[in-house]
Amino acid sequence: MRTIAPNLWFDGNGLEAAEHYVSIFPGSRITHVSYYEEGEPGQAGAVMLVEFELRGQPYAAINGGP
């Protein structure tokens, strides 16, 4: 059975939000961070996507803008 992975939309502070969430729930962790590259819509080097788990449930935080 596949698991649903909720995606949360942020305006640049997705990493900070994910860090906050994983600090609240025991057994949680950030699993991957992706960054914008040159030529992509966001500023090169800025965090684009943060994948994290809260008690085993996967989530993604997308820094997609306002």
Foldseek 3Di string as FASTA:
>chain_A
DDADAEEAEAQQCQVVVQVVQPVVAPPKDWDDWDADPPPDPDDGPGTAKIWMDHNNHIYMYGNPRD
